[in-house]
Amino acid sequence: MKKLTALLIAVLLFLTTVIGMGIFLGRTVDQKTGDLLYYNADSRNRCLRVMKNIFAEDGVIPVFGSSELSSGGGSSFPSQLFQEGNSDFNMILIGRGGTQSLLHAINLGAMADQIPDKKAVLILSPQWFTEEGAQPAGYSSLFSEGMFVEFLKNTSIPLELRTAVSQRIQSLLVEDLPQLERVQQYDASILQQSLNPVGKLGQAVYVGFLEQKEMFSLIWAARNLTVSHEGEPVKAAEIDYDVLREAADREGEASCSGNDFYIKNDYYERLVEKPSDLDWYRGTWSDLSYAVSPEYEDLALFLEVCKATGITPLIVSVPVHGYWYDQRSFPKEGREAYYENIRELCEKYDAALADFSDKEYEPFFLRDIMHVGWKGWAYIDEAVYQFYKQP
């Protein structure tokens, strides 16, 4: 009897500690919401509680993408343009290098009920659409189990679609067997309803642990984050995008003065250490194309999730760097086929499209050979805001 009493007391103390810690972490995260609008990091993007708080703010829209969201673009980069949230409109950037359509389909499905105005933006990178598509190497580091569980639990998404996404994810987690096994258990528990009660209880405890872990990681990562919201707030409707593009031209010229490719100087110097390197590059991409890729199927899954959850998407089609792709002899037909494939997918799913494929040769649209630059962000800022304003 004494042993049983001691065990019950121990369990009670443990549960009290866990619940108390959860309350403390939740309140701390809530207090930081205003500072986290432009804190685009895994620790924020995987914390469902803080993302719910962010989407409860006025005048916000989620913008999914990859490495271009983690790098500056001068005065036109969203965090600069909208002063880290001191604005009546904010683009909530979600994603980092390696994050592509499939992971964004999961994130969107997990958060769909909280997304305001049922609108979302996805910035595509042409480089996603290689013949190989997303690869298993390192994929588990990009994947959030917590978001995946929330995605699976979203019954507004048809079972068939959730199953298709789950199977595709499992095909990309083959190099992380422990995580793959957990994903298969989530699938069995939520989609197939085949996990026994003990297994479901253990799974619920683990998912709760993940939630607290994400909150703790966020608080720790952002412990020294200070964002000043002083000064006159930005009024998005008053932004003159022609003036913004003129400023972007000046910033681009100052940063790309050392080469004829309109590539940021320090980046170009890493690419071309001596003039003869340019000759070496010529022809090295002559057999490449973005016309055929598994990524198109992943993008279709993203658009299917949008359709199922009532989200209206804006797809941003970013161009390749025309001068550099010509230097490396990447065939124009392989580029044009990609742009046309994106147009056709958007038409099929009735998705809005900001098509910048005609800007392959516009100076400073990109800041290097693939990332959106000063002028590119000015164009995208305007396209996203116009999309946001539409009924």
Protein backbone atom coordinates (compact mmCIF):
# COMPACT_ATOMS: atom_id res chain seq x y z
CA MET A 1 0.00 0.00 0.00
CA LYS A 2 2.83 2.38 0.88
CA LYS A 3 4.57 1.64 -2.40
CA LEU A 4 1.38 2.33 -4.35
CA THR A 5 0.84 5.60 -2.47
CA ALA A 6 4.42 6.65 -3.15
CA LEU A 7 3.99 5.82 -6.83
CA LEU A 8 0.78 7.85 -7.09
CA ILE A 9 2.41 10.81 -5.35
CA ALA A 10 5.38 10.61 -7.73
CA VAL A 11 3.08 10.52 -10.76
CA LEU A 12 1.06 13.45 -9.39
CA LEU A 13 4.20 15.51 -8.80
CA PHE A 14 5.44 14.71 -12.29
CA LEU A 15 2.15 15.73 -13.91
CA THR A 16 2.02 18.91 -11.83
CA THR A 17 5.54 19.82 -12.93
CA VAL A 18 4.75 19.12 -16.60
CA ILE A 19 1.51 21.11 -16.49
CA GLY A 20 3.16 23.97 -14.61
CA MET A 21 6.03 24.07 -17.09
CA GLY A 22 3.55 24.07 -19.97
CA ILE A 23 1.66 27.03 -18.48
CA PHE A 24 4.90 28.95 -17.88
CA LEU A 25 6.23 28.30 -21.39
CA GLY A 26 2.89 29.17 -22.97
CA ARG A 27 2.62 32.49 -21.17
CA THR A 28 6.21 33.39 -22.02
CA VAL A 29 5.62 32.63 -25.68
CA ASP A 30 2.40 34.67 -25.65
CA GLN A 31 4.27 37.71 -24.31
CA LYS A 32 6.81 37.56 -27.14
CA THR A 33 4.34 37.33 -30.03
CA GLY A 34 4.84 40.92 -31.18
CA ASP A 35 8.62 40.48 -31.36
CA LEU A 36 8.41 37.25 -33.34
CA LEU A 37 6.55 38.43 -36.45
CA TYR A 38 9.76 38.43 -38.50
CA TYR A 39 11.72 35.86 -36.51
CA ASN A 40 11.77 33.28 -39.30
CA ALA A 41 13.35 30.25 -37.61
CA ASP A 42 12.43 26.61 -37.09
CA SER A 43 11.86 27.21 -33.39
CA ARG A 44 9.10 29.70 -34.22
CA ASN A 45 7.66 28.03 -37.32
CA ARG A 46 7.26 24.69 -35.51
CA CYS A 47 5.60 26.21 -32.44
CA LEU A 48 1.90 25.98 -33.18
CA ARG A 49 0.95 28.14 -30.21
CA VAL A 50 3.01 31.14 -31.30
CA MET A 51 1.93 30.75 -34.93
CA LYS A 52 -1.70 30.85 -33.78
CA ASN A 53 -0.91 34.02 -31.86
CA ILE A 54 0.78 35.59 -34.89
CA PHE A 55 -2.11 34.77 -37.19
CA ALA A 56 -4.48 36.37 -34.69
CA GLU A 57 -2.74 39.70 -35.31
CA ASP A 58 -4.36 42.19 -37.69
CA GLY A 59 -3.10 42.55 -41.25
CA VAL A 60 -0.91 39.45 -41.64
CA ILE A 61 -0.45 36.91 -44.42
CA PRO A 62 1.78 33.78 -44.39
CA VAL A 63 4.52 33.68 -47.03
CA PHE A 64 6.08 30.25 -47.49
CA GLY A 65 9.43 29.83 -49.21
CA SER A 66 13.02 28.69 -48.73
CA SER A 67 16.45 30.28 -48.39
CA GLU A 68 15.45 33.62 -49.93
CA LEU A 69 13.40 34.21 -46.76
CA SER A 70 16.49 34.03 -44.58
CA SER A 71 18.56 36.60 -46.42
CA GLY A 72 18.28 40.34 -46.71
CA GLY A 73 17.24 42.31 -49.75
CA GLY A 74 17.94 45.80 -48.55
CA SER A 75 15.13 48.26 -47.94
CA SER A 76 12.63 46.12 -49.87
CA PHE A 77 13.11 42.98 -47.77
CA PRO A 78 9.84 42.55 -45.81
CA SER A 79 11.33 42.82 -42.34
CA GLN A 80 12.98 46.11 -43.36
CA LEU A 81 10.08 47.49 -45.36
CA PHE A 82 7.56 46.78 -42.61
CA GLN A 83 9.94 47.65 -39.76
CA GLU A 84 9.92 44.26 -38.00
CA GLY A 85 6.17 44.47 -37.49
CA ASN A 86 5.71 48.19 -36.87
CA SER A 87 3.20 48.25 -39.69
CA ASP A 88 -0.50 47.77 -40.43
CA PHE A 89 0.44 44.90 -42.79
CA ASN A 90 3.01 42.14 -42.33
CA MET A 91 4.29 39.24 -44.41
CA ILE A 92 4.88 36.29 -42.06
CA LEU A 93 7.90 34.56 -43.60
CA ILE A 94 7.98 30.77 -43.12
CA GLY A 95 10.80 28.58 -44.43
CA ARG A 96 14.54 28.14 -44.84
CA GLY A 97 16.98 26.53 -47.21
CA GLY A 98 15.86 23.06 -48.29
CA THR A 99 12.19 23.62 -47.45
CA GLN A 100 10.05 22.85 -50.49
CA SER A 101 6.44 22.29 -51.54
CA LEU A 102 5.72 19.13 -49.55
CA LEU A 103 6.78 20.48 -46.16
CA HIS A 104 4.82 23.64 -46.83
CA ALA A 105 1.76 21.52 -47.65
CA ILE A 106 2.07 19.99 -44.17
CA ASN A 107 2.62 23.34 -42.45
CA LEU A 108 -0.30 24.88 -44.30
CA GLY A 109 -2.59 21.98 -43.45
CA ALA A 110 -1.57 22.11 -39.79
CA MET A 111 -2.28 25.84 -39.49
CA ALA A 112 -5.10 26.28 -42.02
CA ASP A 113 -7.81 26.94 -39.44
CA GLN A 114 -5.80 29.85 -37.99
CA ILE A 115 -4.75 31.52 -41.25
CA PRO A 116 -6.60 34.84 -41.57
CA ASP A 117 -8.65 35.67 -44.68
CA LYS A 118 -7.87 32.15 -45.93
CA LYS A 119 -4.96 33.40 -48.06
CA ALA A 120 -1.38 32.18 -48.31
CA VAL A 121 1.64 32.81 -50.53
CA LEU A 122 4.20 30.31 -51.80
CA ILE A 123 7.43 31.58 -53.37
CA LEU A 124 8.84 28.95 -55.73
CA SER A 125 12.51 28.41 -56.47
CA PRO A 126 13.20 26.97 -59.95
CA GLN A 127 16.07 25.01 -58.39
CA TRP A 128 13.52 22.85 -56.52
CA PHE A 129 12.45 21.36 -59.83
CA THR A 130 15.46 19.24 -60.67
CA GLU A 131 15.10 15.82 -62.20
CA GLU A 132 15.70 14.27 -58.75
CA GLY A 133 13.44 16.60 -56.74
CA ALA A 134 13.58 16.57 -52.93
CA GLN A 135 16.16 14.14 -51.59
CA PRO A 136 16.22 12.02 -48.35
CA ALA A 137 19.64 13.33 -47.31
CA GLY A 138 19.09 15.69 -44.38
CA TYR A 139 15.32 15.73 -44.86
CA SER A 140 14.57 14.78 -41.27
CA SER A 141 16.19 18.00 -40.03
CA LEU A 142 13.63 19.99 -42.04
CA PHE A 143 10.64 17.95 -40.89
CA SER A 144 8.45 18.83 -37.89
CA GLU A 145 6.66 15.92 -36.25
CA GLY A 146 4.39 18.29 -34.33
CA MET A 147 3.19 20.01 -37.49
CA PHE A 148 2.79 16.63 -39.19
CA VAL A 149 0.53 15.37 -36.39
CA GLU A 150 -1.61 18.52 -36.62
CA PHE A 151 -1.80 18.03 -40.39
CA LEU A 152 -2.98 14.43 -39.99
CA LYS A 153 -5.61 15.53 -37.46
CA ASN A 154 -7.13 18.11 -39.83
CA THR A 155 -10.25 16.27 -40.98
CA SER A 156 -11.16 18.99 -43.47
CA ILE A 157 -8.40 17.45 -45.58
CA PRO A 158 -9.69 14.24 -47.23
CA LEU A 159 -8.27 11.01 -45.85
CA GLU A 160 -6.96 10.09 -49.28
CA LEU A 161 -4.96 13.32 -49.50
CA ARG A 162 -3.56 13.03 -45.98
CA THR A 163 -2.54 9.47 -46.79
CA ALA A 164 -0.80 10.54 -50.00
CA VAL A 165 1.18 13.23 -48.14
CA SER A 166 2.09 10.75 -45.38
CA GLN A 167 3.35 8.19 -47.87
CA ARG A 168 5.41 10.79 -49.71
CA ILE A 169 6.97 11.97 -46.44
CA GLN A 170 7.82 8.40 -45.48
CA SER A 171 9.64 7.96 -48.79
CA LEU A 172 11.88 10.92 -47.86
CA LEU A 173 12.63 9.88 -44.26
CA VAL A 174 14.33 6.61 -45.10
CA GLU A 175 17.68 7.85 -43.77
CA ASP A 176 16.25 8.51 -40.30
CA LEU A 177 14.68 5.21 -39.27
CA PRO A 178 13.61 6.24 -35.72
CA GLN A 179 11.71 9.25 -37.08
CA LEU A 180 10.30 7.19 -39.94
CA GLU A 181 8.97 4.65 -37.43
CA ARG A 182 7.28 7.43 -35.41
CA VAL A 183 5.71 8.85 -38.58
CA GLN A 184 4.36 5.40 -39.41
CA GLN A 185 2.88 5.19 -35.91
CA TYR A 186 1.21 8.61 -36.31
CA ASP A 187 -0.23 7.34 -39.56
CA ALA A 188 -1.49 4.17 -37.89
CA SER A 189 -2.94 6.05 -34.93
CA ILE A 190 -4.63 8.98 -36.67
CA LEU A 191 -5.39 7.85 -40.21
CA GLN A 192 -5.79 4.08 -39.87
CA GLN A 193 -7.07 4.04 -36.27
CA SER A 194 -5.10 0.82 -35.76
CA LEU A 195 -2.85 1.72 -32.83
CA ASN A 196 -3.78 0.16 -29.46
CA PRO A 197 -4.82 2.38 -26.50
CA VAL A 198 -1.46 2.06 -24.74
CA GLY A 199 0.33 3.06 -27.92
CA LYS A 200 -1.99 6.06 -28.38
CA LEU A 201 -1.38 7.20 -24.80
CA GLY A 202 2.38 6.99 -25.23
CA GLN A 203 2.09 8.87 -28.51
CA ALA A 204 0.00 11.63 -26.91
CA VAL A 205 2.57 12.06 -24.14
CA TYR A 206 5.39 12.25 -26.68
CA VAL A 207 3.56 14.80 -28.86
CA GLY A 208 2.89 16.91 -25.73
CA PHE A 209 6.59 16.71 -24.94
CA LEU A 210 7.41 17.90 -28.48
CA GLU A 211 5.10 20.88 -28.06
CA GLN A 212 6.80 21.95 -24.84
CA LYS A 213 10.21 21.33 -26.39
CA GLU A 214 9.37 23.64 -29.30
CA MET A 215 8.23 26.38 -26.92
CA PHE A 216 11.38 26.03 -24.82
CA SER A 217 13.58 26.07 -27.96
CA LEU A 218 11.84 29.21 -29.16
CA ILE A 219 12.21 31.02 -25.84
CA TRP A 220 15.87 30.04 -25.62
CA ALA A 221 16.66 30.96 -29.23
CA ALA A 222 14.90 34.32 -28.97
CA ARG A 223 16.06 35.18 -25.43
CA ASN A 224 18.18 38.12 -26.62
CA LEU A 225 15.81 39.21 -29.36
CA THR A 226 14.89 42.87 -29.06
CA VAL A 227 12.55 44.51 -31.53
CA SER A 228 11.72 48.20 -31.33
CA HIS A 229 8.24 49.17 -32.45
CA GLU A 230 8.82 52.84 -31.77
CA GLY A 231 8.39 55.50 -34.39
CA GLU A 232 5.73 56.14 -36.98
CA PRO A 233 4.10 52.86 -38.09
CA VAL A 234 4.31 51.94 -41.75
CA LYS A 235 1.04 52.28 -43.65
CA ALA A 236 1.20 49.72 -46.43
CA ALA A 237 -1.32 51.53 -48.62
CA GLU A 238 1.00 54.56 -48.76
CA ILE A 239 4.08 52.69 -50.05
CA ASP A 240 5.15 53.89 -53.51
CA TYR A 241 6.49 50.75 -55.17
CA ASP A 242 7.99 52.65 -58.09
CA VAL A 243 10.09 54.63 -55.61
CA LEU A 244 10.94 51.38 -53.79
CA ARG A 245 12.17 49.83 -57.05
CA GLU A 246 14.29 52.90 -57.77
CA ALA A 247 15.91 52.54 -54.34
CA ALA A 248 16.41 48.83 -55.05
CA ASP A 249 18.24 49.70 -58.27
CA ARG A 250 20.61 51.97 -56.38
CA GLU A 251 21.25 49.34 -53.69
CA GLY A 252 21.84 46.70 -56.32
CA GLU A 253 24.27 48.87 -58.28
CA ALA A 254 26.27 49.58 -55.13
CA SER A 255 26.50 45.88 -54.28
CA CYS A 256 27.20 44.47 -57.77
CA SER A 257 29.71 46.98 -59.15
CA GLY A 258 32.52 44.47 -59.62
CA ASN A 259 31.05 42.28 -62.40
CA ASP A 260 28.87 42.33 -65.51
CA PHE A 261 26.41 39.69 -64.27
CA TYR A 262 24.55 41.86 -61.72
CA ILE A 263 25.64 39.44 -58.99
CA LYS A 264 26.53 40.60 -55.48
CA ASN A 265 30.28 41.23 -55.41
CA ASP A 266 31.29 38.90 -52.59
CA TYR A 267 29.20 36.07 -54.07
CA TYR A 268 30.67 36.62 -57.54
CA GLU A 269 34.20 36.57 -56.16
CA ARG A 270 33.56 33.12 -54.73
CA LEU A 271 32.22 31.93 -58.09
CA VAL A 272 34.89 33.49 -60.28
CA GLU A 273 38.29 33.70 -58.61
CA LYS A 274 40.04 34.44 -61.93
CA PRO A 275 38.75 35.40 -65.42
CA SER A 276 39.49 31.98 -66.88
CA ASP A 277 36.89 30.48 -64.54
CA LEU A 278 34.20 31.96 -66.78
CA ASP A 279 35.43 29.83 -69.68
CA TRP A 280 35.37 26.77 -67.45
CA TYR A 281 31.73 27.37 -66.53
CA ARG A 282 30.60 27.60 -70.17
CA GLY A 283 28.59 24.54 -71.19
CA THR A 284 28.53 22.87 -67.75
CA TRP A 285 24.69 22.98 -67.53
CA SER A 286 23.94 22.23 -71.16
CA ASP A 287 22.18 18.94 -70.40
CA LEU A 288 19.97 20.23 -67.55
CA SER A 289 16.27 21.03 -67.53
CA TYR A 290 13.53 21.89 -65.03
CA ALA A 291 10.82 20.46 -67.28
CA VAL A 292 10.39 17.13 -65.45
CA SER A 293 10.61 16.74 -61.67
CA PRO A 294 8.87 14.99 -58.74
CA GLU A 295 8.54 18.49 -57.27
CA TYR A 296 5.59 19.17 -59.56
CA GLU A 297 3.67 16.38 -57.81
CA ASP A 298 4.65 17.85 -54.43
CA LEU A 299 3.46 21.28 -55.55
CA ALA A 300 0.19 19.68 -56.67
CA LEU A 301 -0.18 18.25 -53.14
CA PHE A 302 0.30 21.76 -51.72
CA LEU A 303 -2.41 23.09 -54.03
CA GLU A 304 -4.69 20.17 -53.14
CA VAL A 305 -4.30 21.02 -49.45
CA CYS A 306 -5.15 24.65 -50.23
CA LYS A 307 -8.29 23.53 -52.05
CA ALA A 308 -9.35 21.18 -49.26
CA THR A 309 -8.90 23.76 -46.50
CA GLY A 310 -10.42 26.69 -48.39
CA ILE A 311 -7.12 28.56 -48.67
CA THR A 312 -6.65 30.79 -51.71
CA PRO A 313 -2.97 30.60 -52.73
CA LEU A 314 -0.75 33.07 -54.52
CA ILE A 315 2.11 31.30 -56.28
CA VAL A 316 5.17 33.47 -56.94
CA SER A 317 7.16 32.27 -59.95
CA VAL A 318 10.73 33.51 -59.53
CA PRO A 319 12.93 33.54 -62.68
CA VAL A 320 16.34 32.00 -63.07
CA HIS A 321 19.34 34.31 -63.46
CA GLY A 322 19.33 34.68 -67.26
CA TYR A 323 22.90 35.93 -67.69
CA TRP A 324 24.42 33.24 -65.48
CA TYR A 325 22.27 30.43 -66.88
CA ASP A 326 23.33 31.49 -70.39
CA GLN A 327 26.96 31.49 -69.28
CA ARG A 328 26.54 27.88 -68.16
CA SER A 329 24.49 26.99 -71.26
CA PHE A 330 21.34 25.92 -69.41
CA PRO A 331 18.91 25.42 -72.33
CA LYS A 332 16.21 28.05 -72.62
CA GLU A 333 13.63 25.43 -73.54
CA GLY A 334 14.26 23.70 -70.19
CA ARG A 335 13.57 27.00 -68.43
CA GLU A 336 10.51 27.91 -70.50
CA ALA A 337 9.03 24.44 -69.95
CA TYR A 338 9.29 25.02 -66.19
CA TYR A 339 7.55 28.39 -66.34
CA GLU A 340 4.77 26.93 -68.48
CA ASN A 341 4.32 23.96 -66.13
CA ILE A 342 3.80 26.37 -63.24
CA ARG A 343 1.25 28.35 -65.24
CA GLU A 344 -0.67 25.21 -66.09
CA LEU A 345 -0.71 23.98 -62.49
CA CYS A 346 -1.98 27.34 -61.26
CA GLU A 347 -4.68 27.34 -63.91
CA LYS A 348 -5.70 23.79 -63.02
CA TYR A 349 -6.10 24.64 -59.32
CA ASP A 350 -7.43 28.17 -59.88
CA ALA A 351 -4.45 29.60 -57.97
CA ALA A 352 -3.37 33.21 -58.32
CA LEU A 353 0.02 33.57 -60.01
CA ALA A 354 2.61 36.34 -59.76
CA ASP A 355 4.61 35.39 -62.84
CA PHE A 356 8.04 37.03 -62.97
CA SER A 357 9.48 34.67 -65.57
CA ASP A 358 9.95 37.61 -67.94
CA LYS A 359 12.53 39.11 -65.58
CA GLU A 360 15.38 36.66 -66.17
CA TYR A 361 17.52 39.55 -67.39
CA GLU A 362 16.25 42.36 -65.16
CA PRO A 363 19.21 43.64 -63.13
CA PHE A 364 18.94 43.14 -59.38
CA PHE A 365 15.78 41.05 -59.44
CA LEU A 366 18.12 38.40 -58.00
CA ARG A 367 21.09 39.23 -55.81
CA ASP A 368 23.13 36.17 -56.79
CA ILE A 369 22.47 33.24 -59.12
CA MET A 370 19.26 32.13 -57.40
CA HIS A 371 18.12 34.25 -54.42
CA VAL A 372 15.61 37.08 -54.66
CA GLY A 373 17.35 40.43 -54.50
CA TRP A 374 16.66 44.09 -53.98
CA LYS A 375 14.36 44.67 -56.95
CA GLY A 376 12.82 41.22 -56.82
CA TRP A 377 11.57 41.84 -53.30
CA ALA A 378 10.11 45.18 -54.36
CA TYR A 379 8.07 43.39 -57.03
CA ILE A 380 7.04 40.59 -54.67
CA ASP A 381 6.09 42.98 -51.85
CA GLU A 382 3.69 44.75 -54.20
CA ALA A 383 2.24 41.51 -55.60
CA VAL A 384 1.62 40.09 -52.12
CA TYR A 385 0.01 43.29 -50.83
CA GLN A 386 -2.28 43.55 -53.87
CA PHE A 387 -3.25 39.88 -53.37
CA TYR A 388 -3.90 40.55 -49.68
CA LYS A 389 -6.21 43.46 -50.47
CA GLN A 390 -8.40 41.50 -52.86
CA PRO A 391 -11.77 40.41 -51.43
